[in-house]
Amino acid sequence: MISNISRLLSLSTAMIVASTAIAAAEPSADLIAAAKKEGTLTTIALPHNWCGYGDVIAGFKAKYGLDVNELNPDAGSGDEIEAIKANKGNTGPQAPDVIDVGLSFGPSAKKDGLIQPYKVSTWDSIPDSAKDAEGYWYGDYYGVLSFVVNTDIVKNVPKDWADLKKPEYANTVSLAGDPRASNQAVQAVYAAGLATGEKDATKAGEAGLAYFAELNKAGVLVPVIGKSASLAQGSTPIVVAWDYNGLSWRDSLAGNPPVEVVVPSTGVVAGVYVQAISAFAPHPNAAKLWMEYLYSDEGQLAWLKGYCHPIRFNDLAQKGKVPKELLDKLPPAEGYAKAVFPTLDEQDKGKTAITTKWDSVVGANVQ
C-alpha cells in the first residue's frame, strides 16, 4: 500500500531546488462562492504547532475570508471519528466538517459511511498508493517517530528504544497521546515492537505492549500525554512523538529549555495521515474549499514549513517549487534511511492488538 511513499524521504533530502514561486491550482469560482455563503468551516484535532497548522488555518482564513471553528485541538484520530458519529444530523458547531486522521482510520471511516468523496484539483499529483481511488480519503503528510528530549534534565540523550529501559530514565518517558485512541501513540508502541526484531504486525504490536509494560513496571513511563508544555516543565522530559511535532516544539521553546530531537537507531516508523470530509458535514462546500487549499502548492509548502513532508512533495520538487531553505531545516537524511512505512493491513493488525490490550497488558491510564 505505502511502499511507493518511501521514495519520498530520500527525494526530500536529495533534491536541491531554487525556485520559490507558488502557482497553485485554483478552485472554481462557484465553489468559492458556495463556501463563502456557508461562511464557516469546522475543524477538529488541529493543534497550531502540529505541522504548522496555525499558519495553515490563518492562510486559509486570509485567502477566503471564512471563519474557522476549531474543535478540541488535542483530540486523537479515534476522537475525530467518534465526533462524526456523535453528530450525525447535527448542523451545529460541534459537528466537524473535516478530519485529519492516521492512515488506518481512512478506510474504516469509508466502510462505516462516515466520510464523503471529493477529488481536489491537484488529485493526479497525489501518489496512487496514498489515496482512495474513489476519493474518500487522501494522504496529506508524513513523518517519523522520534524521541523529543529536554536536555536540561536528560544529560545522556537516548539513541534507541533499548536505552529507555535504563534506570537513569526513571519517570521521564511519555507518549504524545493515549494509545487507546491516538494514532501517534499507537504507532509509537508499534515502533517499539519493531525495534525488538518482530516483523509480523500483530506480534510487533504485542511486543510493543510488552515493552511499555516493562517501562511502566520499572517506573520509567509517565502516564501523562506529553506536550510541549510538559516537556519544558520537566514533567515529561522525554516524549515519543512525530519528528515534526518535536522540531516545532524545539523551535517554539527557543532554547528554554534546549531540546534535542532524535530519530532512534531501530524501529523507525513513518506515519502517513489522511484528510477526509465528513459525510454529514454542515458546511460541505467550505470543506471542499479547505481541501483545495491544503493540496494547493501554498498549503503543501505551509505543512513543510511545519516540518511535515507534504504528500505532493515529489511533484513540487520536480517543478522547482520547494525553497532550499525549507529543505535545509529538515533533520539529516541518514536518520530516515531505515524508515518503515507500515501497510494498511499492518497498521490495522498492530492497532487492534495495541488498542484492545493496552489496559490489560500495560495498565497505564495515559491522559
Protein backbone atom coordinates (compact mmCIF):
# COMPACT_ATOMS: atom_id res chain seq x y z
CA MET A 1 0.00 0.00 0.00
CA ILE A 2 2.59 2.55 1.08
CA SER A 3 5.78 1.15 -0.46
CA ASN A 4 5.90 3.89 -3.07
CA ILE A 5 5.79 6.63 -0.44
CA SER A 6 9.13 5.53 1.00
CA ARG A 7 10.84 7.05 -2.02
CA LEU A 8 9.69 10.49 -0.90
CA LEU A 9 12.01 10.52 2.09
CA SER A 10 15.14 10.09 0.01
CA LEU A 11 13.94 12.56 -2.60
CA SER A 12 13.19 15.16 0.06
CA THR A 13 16.83 15.32 1.07
CA ALA A 14 18.41 14.67 -2.31
CA MET A 15 16.70 17.34 -4.38
CA ILE A 16 18.06 20.84 -4.13
CA VAL A 17 15.76 23.33 -5.72
CA ALA A 18 15.87 27.07 -6.03
CA SER A 19 12.55 28.42 -7.21
CA THR A 20 10.17 29.77 -4.60
CA ALA A 21 7.31 30.54 -6.96
CA ILE A 22 3.90 29.24 -5.94
CA ALA A 23 1.47 28.52 -8.75
CA ALA A 24 -1.35 26.63 -7.12
CA ALA A 25 -4.29 25.15 -8.96
CA GLU A 26 -7.24 27.35 -8.13
CA PRO A 27 -10.67 26.09 -7.04
CA SER A 28 -13.65 27.13 -9.12
CA ALA A 29 -15.37 30.46 -8.59
CA ASP A 30 -18.62 28.58 -7.92
CA LEU A 31 -17.03 26.56 -5.10
CA ILE A 32 -15.52 29.67 -3.54
CA ALA A 33 -18.90 31.45 -3.70
CA ALA A 34 -20.75 28.48 -2.19
CA ALA A 35 -18.19 28.16 0.62
CA LYS A 36 -18.39 31.87 1.41
CA LYS A 37 -22.17 31.58 1.58
CA GLU A 38 -21.78 28.88 4.24
CA GLY A 39 -19.35 31.19 6.00
CA THR A 40 -17.70 28.74 8.38
CA LEU A 41 -15.50 25.65 8.40
CA THR A 42 -15.45 23.40 11.46
CA THR A 43 -12.19 21.53 12.09
CA ILE A 44 -11.15 19.16 14.85
CA ALA A 45 -7.85 17.97 16.34
CA LEU A 46 -5.60 20.57 14.71
CA PRO A 47 -3.11 21.96 17.28
CA HIS A 48 -1.47 25.09 15.91
CA ASN A 49 2.01 23.68 16.50
CA TRP A 50 1.25 20.43 14.63
CA CYS A 51 2.56 20.60 11.05
CA GLY A 52 2.33 24.36 11.13
CA TYR A 53 -1.46 24.24 11.31
CA GLY A 54 -1.61 27.64 12.98
CA ASP A 55 -0.22 29.25 9.83
CA VAL A 56 -2.23 26.93 7.58
CA ILE A 57 -5.51 27.96 9.21
CA ALA A 58 -4.51 31.63 9.17
CA GLY A 59 -3.62 31.38 5.49
CA PHE A 60 -6.96 29.82 4.62
CA LYS A 61 -8.91 32.45 6.55
CA ALA A 62 -6.93 35.28 4.98
CA LYS A 63 -7.33 33.94 1.45
CA TYR A 64 -11.05 33.15 1.51
CA GLY A 65 -12.49 35.15 4.41
CA LEU A 66 -14.20 32.21 6.11
CA ASP A 67 -14.42 31.70 9.85
CA VAL A 68 -12.79 28.54 11.23
CA ASN A 69 -14.44 26.90 14.22
CA GLU A 70 -11.71 24.80 15.85
CA LEU A 71 -12.90 21.88 17.98
CA ASN A 72 -10.77 20.01 20.56
CA PRO A 73 -7.27 20.61 19.16
CA ASP A 74 -5.78 17.88 21.36
CA ALA A 75 -8.12 15.11 20.17
CA GLY A 76 -6.78 11.88 18.69
CA SER A 77 -7.81 10.19 15.45
CA GLY A 78 -10.29 7.96 17.27
CA ASP A 79 -11.87 11.00 18.89
CA GLU A 80 -12.35 12.59 15.47
CA ILE A 81 -14.21 9.55 14.20
CA GLU A 82 -16.38 9.49 17.32
CA ALA A 83 -17.18 13.20 16.83
CA ILE A 84 -18.60 12.43 13.38
CA LYS A 85 -20.66 9.53 14.76
CA ALA A 86 -21.96 11.59 17.67
CA ASN A 87 -23.07 14.48 15.46
CA LYS A 88 -24.96 12.77 12.66
CA GLY A 89 -27.76 15.11 11.73
CA ASN A 90 -26.37 17.89 13.89
CA THR A 91 -25.65 21.05 11.92
CA GLY A 92 -24.44 22.94 14.97
CA PRO A 93 -20.90 23.99 15.95
CA GLN A 94 -19.96 20.61 17.46
CA ALA A 95 -20.17 18.75 14.13
CA PRO A 96 -16.80 18.57 12.32
CA ASP A 97 -16.72 19.18 8.59
CA VAL A 98 -13.28 17.67 8.05
CA ILE A 99 -10.87 15.28 9.74
CA ASP A 100 -7.12 14.66 9.68
CA VAL A 101 -6.51 11.10 10.90
CA GLY A 102 -3.98 8.29 10.85
CA LEU A 103 -3.91 6.24 7.67
CA SER A 104 -5.74 3.22 9.07
CA PHE A 105 -8.73 5.35 10.09
CA GLY A 106 -9.45 6.39 6.47
CA PRO A 107 -10.59 3.02 5.06
CA SER A 108 -12.55 2.15 8.21
CA ALA A 109 -14.37 5.51 8.14
CA LYS A 110 -15.24 4.89 4.47
CA LYS A 111 -16.53 1.40 5.30
CA ASP A 112 -18.71 2.83 8.06
CA GLY A 113 -20.19 5.50 5.79
CA LEU A 114 -18.74 8.37 7.81
CA ILE A 115 -16.95 10.27 5.01
CA GLN A 116 -17.79 11.50 1.52
CA PRO A 117 -15.71 11.53 -1.67
CA TYR A 118 -14.05 14.59 -3.13
CA LYS A 119 -11.13 14.88 -5.53
CA VAL A 120 -9.12 18.10 -5.34
CA SER A 121 -7.88 19.79 -8.49
CA THR A 122 -4.32 18.55 -7.78
CA TRP A 123 -5.57 14.95 -7.37
CA ASP A 124 -3.32 13.46 -10.05
CA SER A 125 -0.16 14.62 -8.24
CA ILE A 126 -1.07 12.69 -5.06
CA PRO A 127 0.63 9.24 -5.25
CA ASP A 128 -1.87 6.47 -6.01
CA SER A 129 -0.51 4.48 -3.08
CA ALA A 130 -1.56 7.25 -0.68
CA LYS A 131 -5.18 7.82 -1.64
CA ASP A 132 -8.51 6.08 -2.02
CA ALA A 133 -9.23 5.58 -5.71
CA GLU A 134 -12.78 6.88 -5.26
CA GLY A 135 -11.65 9.98 -3.40
CA TYR A 136 -12.96 9.19 0.08
CA TRP A 137 -9.60 9.82 1.79
CA TYR A 138 -6.19 11.06 0.65
CA GLY A 139 -2.75 11.25 2.26
CA ASP A 140 -1.70 14.71 3.38
CA TYR A 141 1.74 14.48 5.04
CA TYR A 142 4.07 12.13 6.86
CA GLY A 143 6.91 12.00 9.40
CA VAL A 144 8.77 9.52 11.61
CA LEU A 145 8.56 8.80 15.32
CA SER A 146 11.31 10.31 17.42
CA PHE A 147 12.49 10.95 20.98
CA VAL A 148 11.97 14.59 21.92
CA VAL A 149 14.36 15.28 24.80
CA ASN A 150 14.66 18.14 27.30
CA THR A 151 18.46 18.19 27.60
CA ASP A 152 18.40 20.46 30.64
CA ILE A 153 17.09 17.46 32.57
CA VAL A 154 18.26 14.49 30.48
CA LYS A 155 22.00 14.81 30.04
CA ASN A 156 22.57 11.39 28.46
CA VAL A 157 20.31 11.58 25.43
CA PRO A 158 18.87 8.15 24.47
CA LYS A 159 19.68 6.95 20.96
CA ASP A 160 17.46 3.88 20.69
CA TRP A 161 14.45 2.16 22.24
CA ALA A 162 16.58 -0.19 24.34
CA ASP A 163 18.21 2.81 26.03
CA LEU A 164 14.91 3.87 27.59
CA LYS A 165 14.89 0.76 29.77
CA LYS A 166 17.89 2.03 31.73
CA PRO A 167 17.23 3.06 35.37
CA GLU A 168 18.61 6.53 34.68
CA TYR A 169 15.44 7.29 32.70
CA ALA A 170 13.04 6.67 35.60
CA ASN A 171 9.99 8.97 35.49
CA THR A 172 10.99 10.57 32.20
CA VAL A 173 9.30 8.84 29.24
CA SER A 174 5.85 9.70 27.94
CA LEU A 175 3.74 9.17 24.85
CA ALA A 176 2.27 12.08 22.90
CA GLY A 177 -1.23 10.65 23.13
CA ASP A 178 -3.45 7.98 24.64
CA PRO A 179 -2.54 4.68 22.91
CA ARG A 180 -6.16 3.61 23.11
CA ALA A 181 -7.24 6.45 20.79
CA SER A 182 -4.25 8.37 19.40
CA ASN A 183 -2.65 7.22 16.15
CA GLN A 184 0.62 8.89 17.16
CA ALA A 185 0.75 6.86 20.37
CA VAL A 186 -0.35 3.63 18.69
CA GLN A 187 2.44 3.95 16.14
CA ALA A 188 4.94 4.64 18.93
CA VAL A 189 4.03 1.36 20.60
CA TYR A 190 4.23 -0.41 17.24
CA ALA A 191 7.67 1.12 16.59
CA ALA A 192 8.94 -0.15 19.94
CA GLY A 193 7.73 -3.60 18.93
CA LEU A 194 9.53 -3.47 15.60
CA ALA A 195 12.71 -2.47 17.44
CA THR A 196 12.62 -5.85 19.22
CA GLY A 197 13.03 -7.56 15.85
CA GLU A 198 9.42 -8.62 15.32
CA LYS A 199 8.26 -8.43 11.70
CA ASP A 200 4.69 -9.71 11.92
CA ALA A 201 2.34 -6.77 12.56
CA THR A 202 0.27 -8.39 15.31
CA LYS A 203 3.37 -9.72 17.05
CA ALA A 204 5.06 -6.32 16.71
CA GLY A 205 2.05 -4.71 18.38
CA GLU A 206 2.18 -7.26 21.18
CA ALA A 207 5.95 -6.83 21.55
CA GLY A 208 5.41 -3.08 21.81
CA LEU A 209 2.87 -3.62 24.56
CA ALA A 210 5.32 -5.86 26.43
CA TYR A 211 8.00 -3.18 26.04
CA PHE A 212 5.81 -0.44 27.52
CA ALA A 213 4.61 -2.79 30.24
CA GLU A 214 8.26 -3.18 31.20
CA LEU A 215 8.77 0.59 31.16
CA ASN A 216 5.67 1.04 33.30
CA LYS A 217 6.70 -1.62 35.82
CA ALA A 218 10.18 -0.08 36.08
CA GLY A 219 8.74 3.38 36.76
CA VAL A 220 10.10 4.83 33.53
CA LEU A 221 6.77 5.51 31.82
CA VAL A 222 4.96 8.68 32.90
CA PRO A 223 1.18 8.20 32.37
CA VAL A 224 0.69 11.74 31.10
CA ILE A 225 0.18 12.84 27.49
CA GLY A 226 3.45 14.52 26.59
CA LYS A 227 3.19 18.01 25.09
CA SER A 228 5.46 21.00 24.56
CA ALA A 229 4.48 22.45 27.96
CA SER A 230 5.12 19.26 29.94
CA LEU A 231 8.38 18.75 28.05
CA ALA A 232 9.53 22.25 29.01
CA GLN A 233 8.32 21.98 32.62
CA GLY A 234 10.15 18.69 33.05
CA SER A 235 7.19 16.51 33.99
CA THR A 236 7.70 14.58 30.73
CA PRO A 237 11.33 15.28 29.77
CA ILE A 238 11.32 12.59 27.06
CA VAL A 239 8.31 12.47 24.72
CA VAL A 240 7.90 9.89 21.96
CA ALA A 241 6.33 11.94 19.19
CA TRP A 242 6.35 12.56 15.46
CA ASP A 243 9.53 14.33 14.41
CA TYR A 244 7.61 17.32 13.07
CA ASN A 245 5.99 17.88 16.45
CA GLY A 246 9.33 17.65 18.24
CA LEU A 247 11.01 20.03 15.81
CA SER A 248 8.15 22.51 16.18
CA TRP A 249 8.37 22.33 19.98
CA ARG A 250 12.14 22.82 19.81
CA ASP A 251 11.71 25.97 17.73
CA SER A 252 8.91 27.42 19.86
CA LEU A 253 10.83 26.85 23.09
CA ALA A 254 13.85 28.59 21.54
CA GLY A 255 16.43 27.06 23.86
CA ASN A 256 14.42 27.46 27.06
CA PRO A 257 14.91 24.61 27.68
CA PRO A 258 17.19 23.19 24.98
CA VAL A 259 15.55 20.31 23.11
CA GLU A 260 17.06 17.55 21.01
CA VAL A 261 15.02 15.52 18.53
CA VAL A 262 16.43 12.03 17.99
CA VAL A 263 15.36 9.53 15.33
CA PRO A 264 16.04 6.15 17.00
CA SER A 265 18.57 3.74 15.53
CA THR A 266 15.98 0.96 15.16
CA GLY A 267 12.21 0.77 14.98
CA VAL A 268 11.93 3.86 12.78
CA VAL A 269 8.26 4.03 11.84
CA ALA A 270 6.99 6.55 9.31
CA GLY A 271 3.37 7.57 9.53
CA VAL A 272 1.06 8.91 6.86
CA TYR A 273 -2.00 10.92 7.87
CA VAL A 274 -5.05 11.37 5.66
CA GLN A 275 -7.71 14.02 5.11
CA ALA A 276 -11.41 13.38 4.60
CA ILE A 277 -14.72 15.24 4.58
CA SER A 278 -17.46 14.13 6.96
CA ALA A 279 -20.43 12.51 5.26
CA PHE A 280 -22.55 14.74 7.50
CA ALA A 281 -20.55 17.97 7.10
CA PRO A 282 -22.72 21.01 7.93
CA HIS A 283 -20.54 23.09 5.59
CA PRO A 284 -19.69 20.74 2.67
CA ASN A 285 -18.53 23.47 0.30
CA ALA A 286 -16.30 25.06 2.90
CA ALA A 287 -14.88 21.59 3.50
CA LYS A 288 -14.12 21.14 -0.20
CA LEU A 289 -12.51 24.59 -0.38
CA TRP A 290 -10.37 23.68 2.66
CA MET A 291 -9.16 20.57 0.83
CA GLU A 292 -8.36 22.62 -2.26
CA TYR A 293 -6.26 24.93 -0.11
CA LEU A 294 -4.44 22.11 1.70
CA TYR A 295 -3.50 20.39 -1.55
CA SER A 296 -2.51 23.56 -3.38
CA ASP A 297 1.18 24.40 -3.60
CA GLU A 298 0.64 27.06 -0.92
CA GLY A 299 -0.96 24.63 1.52
CA GLN A 300 1.58 21.88 0.91
CA LEU A 301 4.53 24.22 1.49
CA ALA A 302 2.89 25.52 4.67
CA TRP A 303 2.99 21.95 6.02
CA LEU A 304 6.64 21.64 5.03
CA LYS A 305 7.39 24.81 6.97
CA GLY A 306 5.92 22.96 9.94
CA TYR A 307 8.43 20.10 9.33
CA CYS A 308 5.86 17.73 7.81
CA HIS A 309 6.70 16.14 4.46
CA PRO A 310 3.66 17.02 2.29
CA ILE A 311 2.24 14.23 0.18
CA ARG A 312 2.78 16.19 -3.06
CA PHE A 313 6.46 16.74 -2.24
CA ASN A 314 7.76 14.95 -5.33
CA ASP A 315 5.51 16.96 -7.63
CA LEU A 316 6.57 20.24 -6.02
CA ALA A 317 10.25 19.34 -6.05
CA GLN A 318 10.22 18.25 -9.68
CA LYS A 319 8.65 21.60 -10.60
CA GLY A 320 11.27 23.51 -8.62
CA LYS A 321 8.81 24.90 -6.09
CA VAL A 322 10.42 23.80 -2.81
CA PRO A 323 12.64 26.55 -1.38
CA LYS A 324 16.11 25.29 -0.45
CA GLU A 325 15.89 26.95 2.96
CA LEU A 326 12.99 24.67 3.85
CA LEU A 327 14.98 21.57 2.93
CA ASP A 328 17.95 22.76 4.96
CA LYS A 329 15.83 22.87 8.14
CA LEU A 330 14.93 19.18 7.98
CA PRO A 331 16.90 16.58 10.01
CA PRO A 332 19.83 14.74 8.35
CA ALA A 333 18.84 12.19 5.73
CA GLU A 334 20.64 9.31 7.44
CA GLY A 335 18.19 9.39 10.33
CA TYR A 336 15.40 8.43 7.95
CA ALA A 337 17.24 5.77 5.96
CA LYS A 338 15.74 2.88 7.95
CA ALA A 339 12.20 4.22 7.98
CA VAL A 340 9.46 1.62 7.63
CA PHE A 341 6.07 2.55 6.15
CA PRO A 342 3.55 0.03 7.56
CA THR A 343 0.90 -1.06 5.07
CA LEU A 344 -2.76 -0.56 5.83
CA ASP A 345 -3.11 -4.22 6.76
CA GLU A 346 -0.12 -3.99 9.08
CA GLN A 347 -1.46 -0.84 10.70
CA ASP A 348 -4.86 -2.42 11.25
CA LYS A 349 -3.37 -5.52 12.87
CA GLY A 350 -0.98 -3.52 15.02
CA LYS A 351 -3.66 -1.03 16.05
CA THR A 352 -6.09 -3.77 17.03
CA ALA A 353 -3.51 -5.51 19.20
CA ILE A 354 -2.44 -2.27 20.88
CA THR A 355 -5.77 -0.51 21.46
CA THR A 356 -7.59 -3.60 22.75
CA LYS A 357 -4.83 -4.89 25.02
CA TRP A 358 -3.17 -1.74 26.38
CA ASP A 359 -5.19 -1.73 29.59
CA SER A 360 -4.69 -5.41 30.34
CA VAL A 361 -1.02 -5.63 29.37
CA VAL A 362 0.41 -2.21 30.25
CA GLY A 363 -2.19 -0.92 32.70
CA ALA A 364 -1.20 2.74 32.49
CA ASN A 365 -4.07 5.21 32.16
CA VAL A 366 -2.40 7.77 29.88
CA GLN A 367 -4.27 11.06 29.99
